[in-house]
Amino acid sequence: MLGSLNVTGPLGVAIAVWLLAGKSWRLTLNWCLLFGAGMALVVITKVAFLGWGLGVPEVQFAGISGHAMRACAVFPVAAYLASRHRSLEFRYWVTGGGVVLSVLVSISRVPVLAHSWSEVITGAGLGLTVAGAFIWSARAERHVVMGRVLAVLCLPVLLLAPRAEPAPTEQWMRDLALYLSGKDKPHQRSWQLGPPKNGSRSPLL
């Protein structure tokens, strides 16, 4: 899936490598800090719910959607950087396409009952904030590596990553939450995502 850590994680690294290759030290640091901060907020909110039940039941919020955050941070930035040596109009269209793709990936989490709307909206909002802040900081920066180099770095990820086994990120966060809280079992949602089906409960994350 395009929003999985198998895809967006390596793409985030590819962006950092591309920036380093062009000796854009400030932009590399900005990207790592912004993307890292976004990831940290996702982990904090999910661990807080799993370990201590800190969520907002009224809006079915149990943690920021990592899929939505990563997609909305990575795809617009990759599109912007890959097209930044082209005309302004072309760059707007390509970057806009990255935004649309990331939003579609985010929305796709709701029908499969992986996240509620509140979790997807906060994830997408956080990711787009990360992307917007980075693009704003990069708008006047010169870079010596052409955009096609970034495309070459990203293409293997898009082709090969979906075939790989998904990273057990949810289990890692459960283990971290249990370790920090000292509890034996993670906190569970007290609400149903989507329409009830034969009395079954929806998955936690």
Protein backbone atom coordinates (compact mmCIF):
# COMPACT_ATOMS: atom_id res chain seq x y z
CA MET A 1 0.00 0.00 0.00
CA LEU A 2 1.31 3.47 -0.90
CA GLY A 3 0.93 4.82 2.62
CA SER A 4 2.71 1.94 4.35
CA LEU A 5 6.02 2.42 6.12
CA ASN A 6 7.61 0.10 3.52
CA VAL A 7 6.95 2.76 0.89
CA THR A 8 6.90 6.13 2.63
CA GLY A 9 9.83 5.38 4.94
CA PRO A 10 12.32 4.65 2.12
CA LEU A 11 10.91 7.57 0.10
CA GLY A 12 11.57 9.87 3.05
CA VAL A 13 15.15 8.55 3.17
CA ALA A 14 15.49 8.99 -0.62
CA ILE A 15 14.53 12.64 -0.25
CA ALA A 16 17.21 13.13 2.42
CA VAL A 17 19.83 11.36 0.24
CA TRP A 18 18.92 13.53 -2.75
CA LEU A 19 19.27 16.69 -0.68
CA LEU A 20 22.62 15.51 0.66
CA ALA A 21 23.82 14.73 -2.85
CA GLY A 22 23.14 18.34 -3.80
CA LYS A 23 24.96 19.60 -0.68
CA SER A 24 21.77 21.22 0.61
CA TRP A 25 22.76 20.85 4.24
CA ARG A 26 20.12 23.21 5.63
CA LEU A 27 17.30 21.59 3.66
CA THR A 28 18.48 18.12 4.66
CA LEU A 29 18.36 19.12 8.33
CA ASN A 30 14.96 20.80 7.85
CA TRP A 31 13.50 17.70 6.19
CA CYS A 32 14.84 15.31 8.82
CA LEU A 33 13.59 17.48 11.67
CA LEU A 34 10.14 18.10 10.17
CA PHE A 35 9.53 14.50 9.07
CA GLY A 36 10.97 13.16 12.32
CA ALA A 37 8.74 15.47 14.37
CA GLY A 38 5.69 14.29 12.43
CA MET A 39 6.57 10.65 13.01
CA ALA A 40 7.21 11.34 16.70
CA LEU A 41 3.75 12.90 17.16
CA VAL A 42 2.13 9.86 15.54
CA VAL A 43 3.97 7.50 17.89
CA ILE A 44 3.26 9.64 20.97
CA THR A 45 -0.50 9.77 20.35
CA LYS A 46 -0.77 6.05 19.58
CA VAL A 47 1.36 4.98 22.55
CA ALA A 48 -0.63 7.32 24.81
CA PHE A 49 -3.84 5.56 23.79
CA LEU A 50 -2.49 2.02 23.87
CA GLY A 51 -0.80 2.49 27.22
CA TRP A 52 -3.13 4.83 29.08
CA GLY A 53 -6.31 5.12 26.99
CA LEU A 54 -5.70 8.79 26.21
CA GLY A 55 -7.99 9.50 23.29
CA VAL A 56 -11.18 11.35 22.38
CA PRO A 57 -14.09 8.86 22.22
CA GLU A 58 -16.51 11.59 21.12
CA VAL A 59 -14.75 11.82 17.75
CA GLN A 60 -13.38 8.25 17.72
CA PHE A 61 -9.78 9.41 18.08
CA ALA A 62 -7.19 6.89 19.26
CA GLY A 63 -4.08 8.35 17.67
CA ILE A 64 -2.91 10.18 14.56
CA SER A 65 -2.94 8.05 11.42
CA GLY A 66 0.65 7.26 10.48
CA HIS A 67 -0.34 6.25 6.93
CA ALA A 68 -1.99 9.63 6.36
CA MET A 69 0.81 11.63 7.97
CA ARG A 70 3.60 9.94 6.04
CA ALA A 71 1.78 10.02 2.69
CA CYS A 72 0.88 13.70 3.01
CA ALA A 73 4.42 14.60 4.05
CA VAL A 74 6.37 12.53 1.51
CA PHE A 75 4.44 12.60 -1.77
CA PRO A 76 4.01 16.40 -2.12
CA VAL A 77 7.66 16.99 -1.18
CA ALA A 78 8.95 14.34 -3.60
CA ALA A 79 6.78 15.80 -6.37
CA TYR A 80 7.97 19.34 -5.64
CA LEU A 81 11.66 18.44 -5.55
CA ALA A 82 11.46 16.28 -8.68
CA SER A 83 9.91 19.17 -10.65
CA ARG A 84 11.62 22.21 -9.13
CA HIS A 85 13.87 22.80 -12.18
CA ARG A 86 10.87 22.95 -14.50
CA SER A 87 8.51 25.87 -15.12
CA LEU A 88 6.51 27.30 -12.24
CA GLU A 89 3.21 26.14 -13.75
CA PHE A 90 4.51 22.61 -14.25
CA ARG A 91 5.81 22.53 -10.68
CA TYR A 92 2.40 23.61 -9.36
CA TRP A 93 0.65 20.84 -11.30
CA VAL A 94 3.10 18.12 -10.23
CA THR A 95 3.12 19.18 -6.59
CA GLY A 96 -0.68 19.42 -6.64
CA GLY A 97 -0.76 15.88 -7.99
CA GLY A 98 1.36 14.76 -5.05
CA VAL A 99 -1.09 16.41 -2.67
CA VAL A 100 -4.09 14.76 -4.34
CA LEU A 101 -2.40 11.35 -4.24
CA SER A 102 -1.56 11.73 -0.56
CA VAL A 103 -5.10 12.78 0.32
CA LEU A 104 -6.54 9.78 -1.56
CA VAL A 105 -4.17 7.46 0.30
CA SER A 106 -5.33 9.02 3.57
CA ILE A 107 -9.03 8.69 2.78
CA SER A 108 -8.53 5.03 1.82
CA ARG A 109 -7.89 4.20 5.48
CA VAL A 110 -11.50 4.92 6.44
CA PRO A 111 -13.43 2.38 4.28
CA VAL A 112 -11.13 -0.46 5.40
CA LEU A 113 -11.89 0.46 9.05
CA ALA A 114 -8.23 1.07 9.84
CA HIS A 115 -8.88 4.61 11.11
CA SER A 116 -11.70 7.00 11.91
CA TRP A 117 -12.18 10.28 10.09
CA SER A 118 -10.70 12.23 13.02
CA GLU A 119 -7.52 10.14 12.92
CA VAL A 120 -7.18 10.48 9.15
CA ILE A 121 -7.86 14.23 9.16
CA THR A 122 -5.31 14.90 11.90
CA GLY A 123 -2.78 12.67 10.12
CA ALA A 124 -3.29 14.34 6.75
CA GLY A 125 -3.25 17.79 8.35
CA LEU A 126 0.00 17.04 10.15
CA GLY A 127 1.61 15.58 7.02
CA LEU A 128 0.57 18.49 4.82
CA THR A 129 1.91 20.89 7.46
CA VAL A 130 5.27 19.09 7.34
CA ALA A 131 5.28 19.21 3.53
CA GLY A 132 4.19 22.84 3.40
CA ALA A 133 6.79 23.95 5.93
CA PHE A 134 9.55 22.17 4.04
CA ILE A 135 8.49 23.48 0.61
CA TRP A 136 8.29 27.00 2.05
CA SER A 137 11.85 26.69 3.36
CA ALA A 138 13.06 25.25 0.02
CA ARG A 139 11.45 27.74 -2.32
CA ALA A 140 14.54 29.98 -2.66
CA GLU A 141 17.21 27.30 -2.14
CA ARG A 142 19.44 26.34 -5.07
CA HIS A 143 20.15 22.67 -5.63
CA VAL A 144 22.70 21.16 -8.02
CA VAL A 145 21.15 17.69 -8.46
CA MET A 146 18.41 17.42 -11.08
CA GLY A 147 14.93 16.18 -10.23
CA ARG A 148 15.29 13.08 -12.35
CA VAL A 149 17.91 11.80 -9.88
CA LEU A 150 15.22 11.84 -7.18
CA ALA A 151 12.89 9.96 -9.55
CA VAL A 152 15.59 7.31 -10.03
CA LEU A 153 15.95 6.98 -6.25
CA CYS A 154 12.20 6.71 -5.70
CA LEU A 155 11.29 4.37 -8.56
CA PRO A 156 12.76 1.17 -7.03
CA VAL A 157 10.89 1.91 -3.80
CA LEU A 158 7.55 2.24 -5.58
CA LEU A 159 8.16 -0.95 -7.57
CA LEU A 160 9.67 -3.23 -4.93
CA ALA A 161 8.40 -2.03 -1.54
CA PRO A 162 4.75 -3.13 -2.02
CA ARG A 163 6.02 -6.71 -2.48
CA ALA A 164 7.87 -6.71 0.83
CA GLU A 165 6.39 -7.94 4.09
CA PRO A 166 4.79 -5.03 5.98
CA ALA A 167 6.84 -3.72 8.89
CA PRO A 168 5.27 -4.69 12.27
CA THR A 169 4.97 -1.07 13.38
CA GLU A 170 1.73 -1.61 15.29
CA GLN A 171 3.30 -4.40 17.34
CA TRP A 172 6.32 -2.22 18.07
CA MET A 173 4.08 0.54 19.41
CA ARG A 174 2.05 -1.94 21.48
CA ASP A 175 5.26 -3.29 23.02
CA LEU A 176 6.50 0.23 23.73
CA ALA A 177 3.17 1.26 25.28
CA LEU A 178 3.07 -1.81 27.52
CA TYR A 179 6.69 -1.30 28.57
CA LEU A 180 6.16 2.36 29.47
CA SER A 181 2.77 1.91 31.14
CA GLY A 182 3.64 -1.33 32.93
CA LYS A 183 0.34 -2.90 31.86
CA ASP A 184 -0.23 -6.43 30.61
CA LYS A 185 -2.65 -5.59 27.79
CA PRO A 186 -3.00 -2.56 25.49
CA HIS A 187 -6.03 -0.30 25.82
CA GLN A 188 -8.78 -1.13 23.31
CA ARG A 189 -11.22 1.11 21.49
CA SER A 190 -14.57 1.43 23.23
CA TRP A 191 -16.29 2.37 19.97
CA GLN A 192 -17.06 0.74 16.63
CA LEU A 193 -15.42 1.94 13.43
CA GLY A 194 -18.02 1.85 10.68
CA PRO A 195 -21.28 -0.12 10.75
CA PRO A 196 -21.36 -3.17 13.05
CA LYS A 197 -20.82 -6.52 11.33
CA ASN A 198 -22.17 -9.54 13.13
CA GLY A 199 -21.29 -8.00 16.47
CA SER A 200 -17.55 -8.02 15.72
CA ARG A 201 -15.18 -5.27 16.80
CA SER A 202 -13.01 -3.34 14.37
CA PRO A 203 -9.22 -3.57 14.49
CA LEU A 204 -7.40 -1.24 16.88
CA LEU A 205 -5.11 0.56 14.42
